[in-house]
N, C-alpha and C. Protein backbone atom coordinates (compact mmCIF):
# COMPACT_ATOMS: atom_id res chain seq x y z
N MET A 1 -20.02 -36.05 -15.56
CA MET A 1 -18.57 -36.02 -15.43
C MET A 1 -18.07 -34.89 -16.25
N LYS A 2 -18.53 -34.71 -17.45
CA LYS A 2 -18.03 -33.65 -18.24
C LYS A 2 -18.29 -32.25 -17.70
N LYS A 3 -19.41 -32.15 -16.94
CA LYS A 3 -19.73 -30.84 -16.44
C LYS A 3 -18.72 -30.53 -15.27
N TRP A 4 -18.33 -31.51 -14.47
CA TRP A 4 -17.32 -31.20 -13.38
C TRP A 4 -15.94 -30.96 -13.96
N PHE A 5 -15.70 -31.68 -15.07
CA PHE A 5 -14.31 -31.29 -15.67
C PHE A 5 -14.35 -29.90 -16.20
N LEU A 6 -15.42 -29.47 -16.79
CA LEU A 6 -15.56 -28.10 -17.37
C LEU A 6 -15.59 -27.10 -16.17
N LEU A 7 -16.25 -27.30 -15.27
CA LEU A 7 -16.20 -26.50 -14.05
C LEU A 7 -14.92 -26.31 -13.43
N LEU A 8 -14.11 -27.47 -13.32
CA LEU A 8 -12.82 -27.38 -12.76
C LEU A 8 -11.86 -26.67 -13.60
N ALA A 9 -12.04 -27.06 -14.96
CA ALA A 9 -11.12 -26.23 -15.83
C ALA A 9 -11.32 -24.79 -15.88
N THR A 10 -12.50 -24.40 -15.54
CA THR A 10 -12.93 -22.95 -15.56
C THR A 10 -12.41 -22.21 -14.28
N CYS A 11 -12.46 -22.91 -13.19
CA CYS A 11 -12.15 -22.35 -11.86
C CYS A 11 -10.61 -22.44 -11.61
N LEU A 12 -9.87 -23.23 -12.07
CA LEU A 12 -8.43 -23.43 -11.77
C LEU A 12 -7.76 -22.12 -12.26
N PRO A 13 -7.94 -21.53 -13.27
CA PRO A 13 -7.26 -20.23 -13.55
C PRO A 13 -7.43 -19.21 -12.55
N LEU A 14 -8.74 -19.20 -12.15
CA LEU A 14 -9.00 -18.17 -11.10
C LEU A 14 -8.38 -18.45 -9.76
N LEU A 15 -8.30 -19.73 -9.36
CA LEU A 15 -7.50 -20.18 -8.19
C LEU A 15 -6.09 -19.73 -8.30
N ALA A 16 -5.52 -20.14 -9.42
CA ALA A 16 -4.06 -19.76 -9.81
C ALA A 16 -3.80 -18.30 -9.67
N GLN A 17 -4.76 -17.53 -10.20
CA GLN A 17 -4.53 -16.06 -10.17
C GLN A 17 -4.52 -15.62 -8.70
N ALA A 18 -5.43 -16.07 -7.91
CA ALA A 18 -5.48 -15.72 -6.48
C ALA A 18 -4.28 -16.07 -5.73
N ASP A 19 -3.61 -17.11 -6.11
CA ASP A 19 -2.41 -17.55 -5.51
C ASP A 19 -1.11 -16.62 -5.86
N ASP A 20 -1.28 -15.92 -6.97
CA ASP A 20 -0.20 -15.03 -7.40
C ASP A 20 -0.10 -13.75 -6.69
N THR A 21 -1.12 -13.41 -5.80
CA THR A 21 -1.22 -12.23 -4.97
C THR A 21 -0.26 -12.36 -3.89
N LEU A 22 0.74 -11.54 -3.77
CA LEU A 22 1.60 -11.44 -2.69
C LEU A 22 0.94 -10.51 -1.42
N THR A 23 1.00 -11.18 -0.32
CA THR A 23 0.57 -10.44 0.89
C THR A 23 1.78 -9.77 1.44
N LEU A 24 1.80 -8.45 1.43
CA LEU A 24 3.07 -7.68 1.89
C LEU A 24 2.86 -7.09 3.19
N ASP A 25 3.91 -6.98 4.02
CA ASP A 25 3.91 -6.01 5.11
C ASP A 25 4.73 -4.90 4.74
N TRP A 26 4.74 -3.83 5.60
CA TRP A 26 5.51 -2.61 5.20
C TRP A 26 6.92 -2.87 5.11
N ILE A 27 7.56 -3.68 5.93
CA ILE A 27 9.07 -3.99 5.86
C ILE A 27 9.36 -4.58 4.44
N ASP A 28 8.40 -5.25 3.77
CA ASP A 28 8.63 -5.90 2.55
C ASP A 28 8.87 -4.74 1.39
N LEU A 29 8.48 -3.56 1.68
CA LEU A 29 8.65 -2.57 0.58
C LEU A 29 10.05 -1.92 0.71
N ILE A 30 10.84 -2.25 1.72
CA ILE A 30 12.22 -1.76 1.93
C ILE A 30 13.28 -2.83 1.37
N PRO A 31 14.13 -2.39 0.58
CA PRO A 31 15.20 -3.30 0.10
C PRO A 31 15.92 -4.08 1.17
N GLU A 32 16.38 -5.30 0.97
CA GLU A 32 16.98 -6.16 1.93
C GLU A 32 18.10 -5.45 2.62
N ALA A 33 19.04 -4.81 1.84
CA ALA A 33 20.12 -4.20 2.55
C ALA A 33 19.79 -3.07 3.52
N GLU A 34 18.70 -2.40 3.19
CA GLU A 34 18.32 -1.34 4.16
C GLU A 34 17.67 -1.99 5.38
N ARG A 35 17.01 -3.16 5.21
CA ARG A 35 16.30 -3.81 6.29
C ARG A 35 17.37 -4.26 7.26
N LYS A 36 18.50 -4.77 6.77
CA LYS A 36 19.63 -5.22 7.64
C LYS A 36 20.23 -4.10 8.44
N MET A 37 20.20 -2.87 7.85
CA MET A 37 20.72 -1.77 8.63
C MET A 37 19.79 -1.42 9.75
N PHE A 38 18.49 -1.50 9.51
CA PHE A 38 17.55 -1.27 10.57
C PHE A 38 17.57 -2.39 11.61
N ALA A 39 17.83 -3.58 11.28
CA ALA A 39 18.03 -4.75 12.22
C ALA A 39 19.16 -4.41 13.18
N GLU A 40 20.27 -3.83 12.64
CA GLU A 40 21.46 -3.48 13.48
C GLU A 40 21.29 -2.30 14.30
N ASN A 41 20.73 -1.18 13.67
CA ASN A 41 20.72 0.02 14.36
C ASN A 41 19.33 0.40 14.82
N GLY A 42 18.26 -0.25 14.53
CA GLY A 42 16.90 0.11 14.95
C GLY A 42 16.28 1.03 13.97
N MET A 43 14.98 1.21 14.10
CA MET A 43 14.29 2.12 13.07
C MET A 43 14.55 3.44 13.52
N PRO A 44 14.69 4.40 12.71
CA PRO A 44 14.97 5.84 13.02
C PRO A 44 13.74 6.44 13.71
N MET A 45 14.06 7.25 14.73
CA MET A 45 12.97 7.84 15.58
C MET A 45 12.39 9.04 14.70
N ILE A 46 11.09 9.18 14.93
CA ILE A 46 10.49 10.46 14.32
C ILE A 46 10.73 11.60 15.17
N ASP A 47 11.19 12.75 14.61
CA ASP A 47 11.38 13.89 15.26
C ASP A 47 10.16 14.78 15.36
N HIS A 48 9.55 15.01 16.48
CA HIS A 48 8.34 15.83 16.59
C HIS A 48 8.62 17.17 16.97
N ASN A 49 9.97 17.59 17.07
CA ASN A 49 10.27 18.99 17.40
C ASN A 49 10.44 19.86 16.11
N GLY A 50 10.60 19.36 15.08
CA GLY A 50 10.78 20.15 13.81
C GLY A 50 9.44 20.31 13.03
N ASP A 51 9.70 20.57 11.79
CA ASP A 51 8.50 20.78 10.94
C ASP A 51 7.80 19.50 10.53
N VAL A 52 6.61 19.30 11.08
CA VAL A 52 5.99 18.08 10.94
C VAL A 52 5.51 17.74 9.43
N THR A 53 5.80 18.70 8.54
CA THR A 53 5.44 18.31 7.11
C THR A 53 6.71 17.99 6.28
N GLN A 54 7.91 18.06 7.07
CA GLN A 54 9.14 17.69 6.34
C GLN A 54 9.36 16.23 6.22
N GLN A 55 9.37 15.70 5.01
CA GLN A 55 9.43 14.26 4.79
C GLN A 55 10.83 13.83 4.59
N ASN A 56 11.30 12.80 5.27
CA ASN A 56 12.67 12.21 4.92
C ASN A 56 12.66 11.37 3.73
N LEU A 57 13.33 11.80 2.72
CA LEU A 57 13.30 11.16 1.35
C LEU A 57 14.35 10.07 1.14
N VAL A 58 14.99 9.63 2.29
CA VAL A 58 16.05 8.61 2.26
C VAL A 58 15.34 7.32 2.19
N GLY A 59 15.90 6.32 1.35
CA GLY A 59 15.31 5.09 1.27
C GLY A 59 14.99 4.75 -0.14
N ASN A 60 15.28 3.47 -0.49
CA ASN A 60 15.02 3.00 -1.96
C ASN A 60 13.79 2.14 -2.03
N ILE A 61 13.33 1.92 -3.17
CA ILE A 61 12.24 1.00 -3.45
C ILE A 61 12.76 -0.37 -3.92
N ARG A 62 11.76 -1.36 -4.00
CA ARG A 62 12.26 -2.61 -4.54
C ARG A 62 11.64 -2.78 -5.93
N GLU A 63 12.48 -2.49 -6.90
CA GLU A 63 12.10 -2.56 -8.33
C GLU A 63 11.60 -3.92 -8.76
N GLU A 64 11.88 -5.00 -8.10
CA GLU A 64 11.38 -6.26 -8.41
C GLU A 64 9.99 -6.53 -8.19
N LEU A 65 9.36 -5.58 -7.28
CA LEU A 65 7.95 -5.61 -6.92
C LEU A 65 7.07 -5.00 -8.08
N ASN A 66 7.70 -4.48 -9.11
CA ASN A 66 6.83 -3.77 -10.19
C ASN A 66 6.02 -4.62 -10.84
N ASN A 67 4.80 -4.31 -11.06
CA ASN A 67 3.77 -5.01 -11.72
C ASN A 67 3.31 -6.30 -10.92
N SER A 68 3.53 -6.37 -9.69
CA SER A 68 3.11 -7.43 -8.76
C SER A 68 1.67 -7.27 -8.38
N GLN A 69 0.96 -8.43 -8.23
CA GLN A 69 -0.36 -8.37 -7.66
C GLN A 69 -0.10 -8.55 -6.13
N VAL A 70 -0.55 -7.49 -5.47
CA VAL A 70 -0.31 -7.53 -3.98
C VAL A 70 -1.57 -7.34 -3.11
N LYS A 71 -1.46 -7.51 -1.92
CA LYS A 71 -2.39 -7.31 -0.76
C LYS A 71 -1.62 -6.68 0.33
N ILE A 72 -1.89 -5.47 0.67
CA ILE A 72 -1.15 -4.87 1.74
C ILE A 72 -2.19 -4.05 2.77
N PRO A 73 -1.77 -4.28 4.06
CA PRO A 73 -2.60 -3.55 5.12
C PRO A 73 -2.16 -1.98 5.33
N GLY A 74 -3.07 -1.28 5.68
CA GLY A 74 -2.59 0.15 6.03
C GLY A 74 -3.83 1.04 6.31
N PHE A 75 -3.49 2.31 6.63
CA PHE A 75 -4.45 3.37 6.89
C PHE A 75 -4.67 4.17 5.66
N VAL A 76 -5.92 4.70 5.48
CA VAL A 76 -6.26 5.51 4.24
C VAL A 76 -6.08 6.90 4.63
N ILE A 77 -5.50 7.70 3.73
CA ILE A 77 -5.52 9.23 3.78
C ILE A 77 -6.24 9.63 2.49
N PRO A 78 -7.52 9.97 2.49
CA PRO A 78 -8.20 10.20 1.33
C PRO A 78 -7.55 11.50 0.61
N LEU A 79 -7.58 11.42 -0.72
CA LEU A 79 -7.06 12.69 -1.51
C LEU A 79 -8.06 13.14 -2.53
N GLU A 80 -8.80 12.19 -3.15
CA GLU A 80 -9.71 12.56 -4.24
C GLU A 80 -10.98 11.71 -4.09
N GLY A 81 -12.17 12.28 -4.24
CA GLY A 81 -13.43 11.51 -4.13
C GLY A 81 -14.45 12.43 -3.63
N ASP A 82 -15.60 11.73 -3.10
CA ASP A 82 -16.66 12.49 -2.49
C ASP A 82 -17.04 11.93 -1.23
N ALA A 83 -18.18 12.24 -0.65
CA ALA A 83 -18.57 11.73 0.73
C ALA A 83 -18.85 10.24 0.68
N ASN A 84 -19.03 9.68 -0.42
CA ASN A 84 -19.29 8.09 -0.42
C ASN A 84 -18.10 7.37 -0.87
N THR A 85 -17.35 7.83 -1.90
CA THR A 85 -16.35 7.04 -2.44
C THR A 85 -15.06 7.82 -2.62
N VAL A 86 -13.97 7.08 -2.54
CA VAL A 86 -12.65 7.76 -2.67
C VAL A 86 -11.92 7.12 -3.94
N THR A 87 -11.39 7.91 -4.80
CA THR A 87 -10.82 7.45 -6.07
C THR A 87 -9.24 7.52 -5.97
N GLU A 88 -8.73 8.33 -5.06
CA GLU A 88 -7.24 8.40 -4.88
C GLU A 88 -6.94 8.53 -3.39
N PHE A 89 -5.96 7.83 -2.90
CA PHE A 89 -5.68 7.98 -1.40
C PHE A 89 -4.24 7.56 -1.25
N LEU A 90 -3.61 7.94 -0.11
CA LEU A 90 -2.32 7.46 0.30
C LEU A 90 -2.65 6.26 1.23
N LEU A 91 -1.93 5.23 1.16
CA LEU A 91 -1.93 4.14 2.05
C LEU A 91 -0.67 4.19 2.87
N VAL A 92 -0.78 4.31 4.29
CA VAL A 92 0.33 4.51 5.14
C VAL A 92 0.36 3.32 6.19
N PRO A 93 1.54 3.22 6.74
CA PRO A 93 1.66 2.14 7.73
C PRO A 93 1.16 2.36 9.14
N PHE A 94 0.89 3.65 9.48
CA PHE A 94 0.41 3.88 10.97
C PHE A 94 -0.57 5.12 10.87
N PHE A 95 -1.40 5.07 11.84
CA PHE A 95 -2.44 6.12 11.98
C PHE A 95 -1.72 7.41 12.21
N GLY A 96 -2.26 8.58 11.43
CA GLY A 96 -1.71 9.77 11.62
C GLY A 96 -0.56 10.17 10.66
N ALA A 97 0.05 9.20 9.98
CA ALA A 97 1.12 9.42 9.12
C ALA A 97 0.78 10.46 8.11
N CYS A 98 1.52 11.41 7.78
CA CYS A 98 1.34 12.42 6.79
C CYS A 98 0.37 13.53 7.37
N ILE A 99 -0.23 13.41 8.55
CA ILE A 99 -1.14 14.37 9.04
C ILE A 99 -0.66 14.86 10.33
N HIS A 100 -0.34 14.09 11.42
CA HIS A 100 0.09 14.68 12.64
C HIS A 100 1.60 14.51 12.87
N VAL A 101 2.18 13.79 12.09
CA VAL A 101 3.69 13.58 12.21
C VAL A 101 4.26 13.81 10.81
N PRO A 102 5.69 13.87 10.77
CA PRO A 102 6.26 13.93 9.43
C PRO A 102 5.92 12.77 8.59
N PRO A 103 5.71 12.87 7.33
CA PRO A 103 5.41 11.67 6.62
C PRO A 103 6.52 10.64 6.58
N PRO A 104 6.23 9.35 6.53
CA PRO A 104 7.44 8.42 6.43
C PRO A 104 8.11 8.57 5.06
N PRO A 105 9.15 7.80 4.91
CA PRO A 105 9.86 7.91 3.67
C PRO A 105 9.02 7.45 2.46
N PRO A 106 9.29 7.77 1.24
CA PRO A 106 8.58 7.25 0.14
C PRO A 106 8.43 5.86 0.03
N ASN A 107 9.33 5.00 0.49
CA ASN A 107 9.20 3.64 0.31
C ASN A 107 8.28 3.06 1.43
N GLN A 108 7.61 3.99 2.22
CA GLN A 108 6.64 3.53 3.14
C GLN A 108 5.35 4.26 2.96
N ILE A 109 5.10 4.74 1.74
CA ILE A 109 3.85 5.35 1.30
C ILE A 109 3.41 4.76 0.02
N VAL A 110 2.24 4.39 -0.10
CA VAL A 110 1.77 3.77 -1.41
C VAL A 110 0.51 4.75 -1.87
N TYR A 111 0.72 5.22 -3.07
CA TYR A 111 -0.38 6.09 -3.68
C TYR A 111 -1.33 5.13 -4.40
N VAL A 112 -2.55 5.14 -3.96
CA VAL A 112 -3.49 4.19 -4.51
C VAL A 112 -4.53 4.97 -5.44
N LYS A 113 -4.82 4.32 -6.55
CA LYS A 113 -5.87 4.98 -7.41
C LYS A 113 -6.94 3.85 -7.66
N PHE A 114 -8.14 4.15 -7.39
CA PHE A 114 -9.38 3.32 -7.67
C PHE A 114 -10.23 4.12 -8.64
N GLU A 115 -10.10 3.67 -9.90
CA GLU A 115 -10.87 4.44 -10.90
C GLU A 115 -12.43 4.46 -10.69
N ALA A 116 -12.95 3.36 -10.25
CA ALA A 116 -14.38 3.13 -10.07
C ALA A 116 -14.72 3.76 -8.71
N GLY A 117 -13.80 4.08 -7.82
CA GLY A 117 -14.07 4.50 -6.50
C GLY A 117 -14.35 3.44 -5.53
N ALA A 118 -13.67 3.62 -4.35
CA ALA A 118 -13.77 2.71 -3.27
C ALA A 118 -14.67 3.26 -2.15
N PRO A 119 -15.46 2.48 -1.49
CA PRO A 119 -16.37 3.05 -0.53
C PRO A 119 -15.54 3.60 0.65
N VAL A 120 -16.04 4.79 1.14
CA VAL A 120 -15.28 5.32 2.34
C VAL A 120 -15.75 4.49 3.57
N GLN A 121 -14.83 3.97 4.25
CA GLN A 121 -15.06 3.28 5.45
C GLN A 121 -14.57 3.95 6.64
N GLU A 122 -14.60 3.40 7.74
CA GLU A 122 -14.04 3.99 8.96
C GLU A 122 -12.63 4.33 8.73
N LEU A 123 -12.12 5.44 8.52
CA LEU A 123 -10.72 5.92 8.05
C LEU A 123 -9.76 5.57 9.21
N TRP A 124 -10.17 5.33 10.44
CA TRP A 124 -9.19 5.09 11.48
C TRP A 124 -8.90 3.58 11.44
N ASP A 125 -9.69 2.70 10.82
CA ASP A 125 -9.49 1.26 10.74
C ASP A 125 -8.39 0.86 9.78
N VAL A 126 -7.65 -0.17 10.00
CA VAL A 126 -6.72 -0.72 9.02
C VAL A 126 -7.61 -1.53 7.97
N VAL A 127 -7.27 -1.35 6.79
CA VAL A 127 -7.78 -2.16 5.65
C VAL A 127 -6.80 -2.79 4.84
N TYR A 128 -7.18 -3.86 4.09
CA TYR A 128 -6.15 -4.50 3.14
C TYR A 128 -6.63 -3.81 1.71
N VAL A 129 -5.57 -3.39 0.94
CA VAL A 129 -5.78 -3.02 -0.35
C VAL A 129 -5.14 -3.92 -1.30
N VAL A 130 -5.96 -4.47 -2.39
CA VAL A 130 -5.44 -5.34 -3.32
C VAL A 130 -5.40 -4.87 -4.74
N GLY A 131 -4.35 -5.09 -5.43
CA GLY A 131 -4.28 -4.48 -6.66
C GLY A 131 -2.85 -4.72 -7.33
N THR A 132 -2.52 -3.98 -8.33
CA THR A 132 -1.32 -4.11 -9.08
C THR A 132 -0.39 -2.95 -8.54
N LEU A 133 0.79 -3.34 -8.04
CA LEU A 133 1.80 -2.56 -7.48
C LEU A 133 2.73 -2.12 -8.52
N LYS A 134 2.94 -0.67 -8.67
CA LYS A 134 3.93 -0.18 -9.60
C LYS A 134 5.04 0.53 -8.73
N THR A 135 6.23 0.41 -9.25
CA THR A 135 7.48 1.09 -8.66
C THR A 135 7.47 2.38 -9.40
N GLN A 136 6.64 3.32 -8.92
CA GLN A 136 6.55 4.65 -9.56
C GLN A 136 6.40 5.71 -8.45
N THR A 137 7.22 6.76 -8.66
CA THR A 137 7.22 7.78 -7.57
C THR A 137 6.07 8.66 -7.88
N VAL A 138 5.24 9.08 -6.94
CA VAL A 138 4.04 10.00 -7.13
C VAL A 138 4.31 11.04 -6.18
N SER A 139 4.32 12.28 -6.62
CA SER A 139 4.45 13.39 -5.66
C SER A 139 3.10 14.08 -5.50
N HIS A 140 2.85 14.34 -4.17
CA HIS A 140 1.60 15.02 -3.79
C HIS A 140 2.03 16.22 -2.87
N ASP A 141 1.02 17.08 -2.58
CA ASP A 141 1.21 18.07 -1.62
C ASP A 141 1.67 17.68 -0.22
N ILE A 142 0.93 16.49 0.09
CA ILE A 142 1.20 15.98 1.52
C ILE A 142 2.55 15.23 1.61
N ALA A 143 2.78 14.38 0.60
CA ALA A 143 4.04 13.65 0.65
C ALA A 143 4.35 13.04 -0.69
N GLN A 144 5.50 12.44 -0.83
CA GLN A 144 6.06 11.71 -2.01
C GLN A 144 5.95 10.29 -1.68
N ALA A 145 5.29 9.50 -2.62
CA ALA A 145 5.10 7.99 -2.53
C ALA A 145 5.99 7.31 -3.51
N GLY A 146 6.50 6.20 -3.00
CA GLY A 146 7.58 5.52 -3.82
C GLY A 146 6.89 4.43 -4.60
N TYR A 147 5.51 4.15 -4.30
CA TYR A 147 4.83 3.11 -4.97
C TYR A 147 3.51 3.64 -5.42
N LEU A 148 2.96 3.12 -6.44
CA LEU A 148 1.62 3.41 -6.98
C LEU A 148 0.94 2.03 -6.97
N LEU A 149 -0.34 2.00 -6.43
CA LEU A 149 -1.15 0.72 -6.43
C LEU A 149 -2.41 1.00 -7.23
N GLU A 150 -2.65 0.28 -8.31
CA GLU A 150 -3.89 0.35 -9.10
C GLU A 150 -4.84 -0.57 -8.33
N GLY A 151 -5.72 0.02 -7.46
CA GLY A 151 -6.61 -0.67 -6.52
C GLY A 151 -7.75 -1.59 -7.26
N VAL A 152 -7.92 -2.70 -6.81
CA VAL A 152 -8.89 -3.58 -7.33
C VAL A 152 -10.10 -3.64 -6.32
N THR A 153 -9.64 -4.04 -5.04
CA THR A 153 -10.55 -4.17 -3.84
C THR A 153 -9.95 -3.78 -2.61
N ILE A 154 -10.96 -3.36 -1.66
CA ILE A 154 -10.54 -3.07 -0.29
C ILE A 154 -11.06 -4.16 0.57
N GLU A 155 -10.40 -4.73 1.40
CA GLU A 155 -10.95 -5.74 2.29
C GLU A 155 -10.66 -5.36 3.85
N PRO A 156 -11.50 -5.83 4.58
CA PRO A 156 -11.38 -5.57 6.09
C PRO A 156 -10.02 -6.26 6.53
N TYR A 157 -9.42 -5.66 7.43
CA TYR A 157 -8.14 -6.22 8.07
C TYR A 157 -8.58 -7.31 9.00
N ASP A 158 -8.01 -8.46 8.84
CA ASP A 158 -8.44 -9.74 9.65
C ASP A 158 -7.50 -10.22 10.68
N GLU A 159 -6.46 -9.46 11.02
CA GLU A 159 -5.45 -9.97 11.94
C GLU A 159 -5.39 -9.23 13.24
């Protein structure tokens, strides 16, 4: 009986920690007031006629998400690493963002750092990235990100 109690006492903190992870969707990164505006007026259209590198910097971040443990799906745009692992990348909500079309606003781009390196997967597939989200602006040549994620794991997208 003592062994079961010890095992249970050891595992409960791990289970509680897993429950603290917020599963976010991209709309969750936009403040509520801005979401209401999109509900009324619809999402802004992407202009393919202009400079495809020009990023729209309009939009705020959600400060209350700072230091949250999160899990968010997205597409990977590698920035640093080698042929087998990537140590820094942009996580974006749709395929081709920052490459074929103008980058989304900063509150729709997450700059991810994996110090140990994450395996390079099929980059056209959606993945979940799990880690600590920071409300920190990160500028890169490709785009400005409104969030920084200190990545812990990458999981296959299962929905």
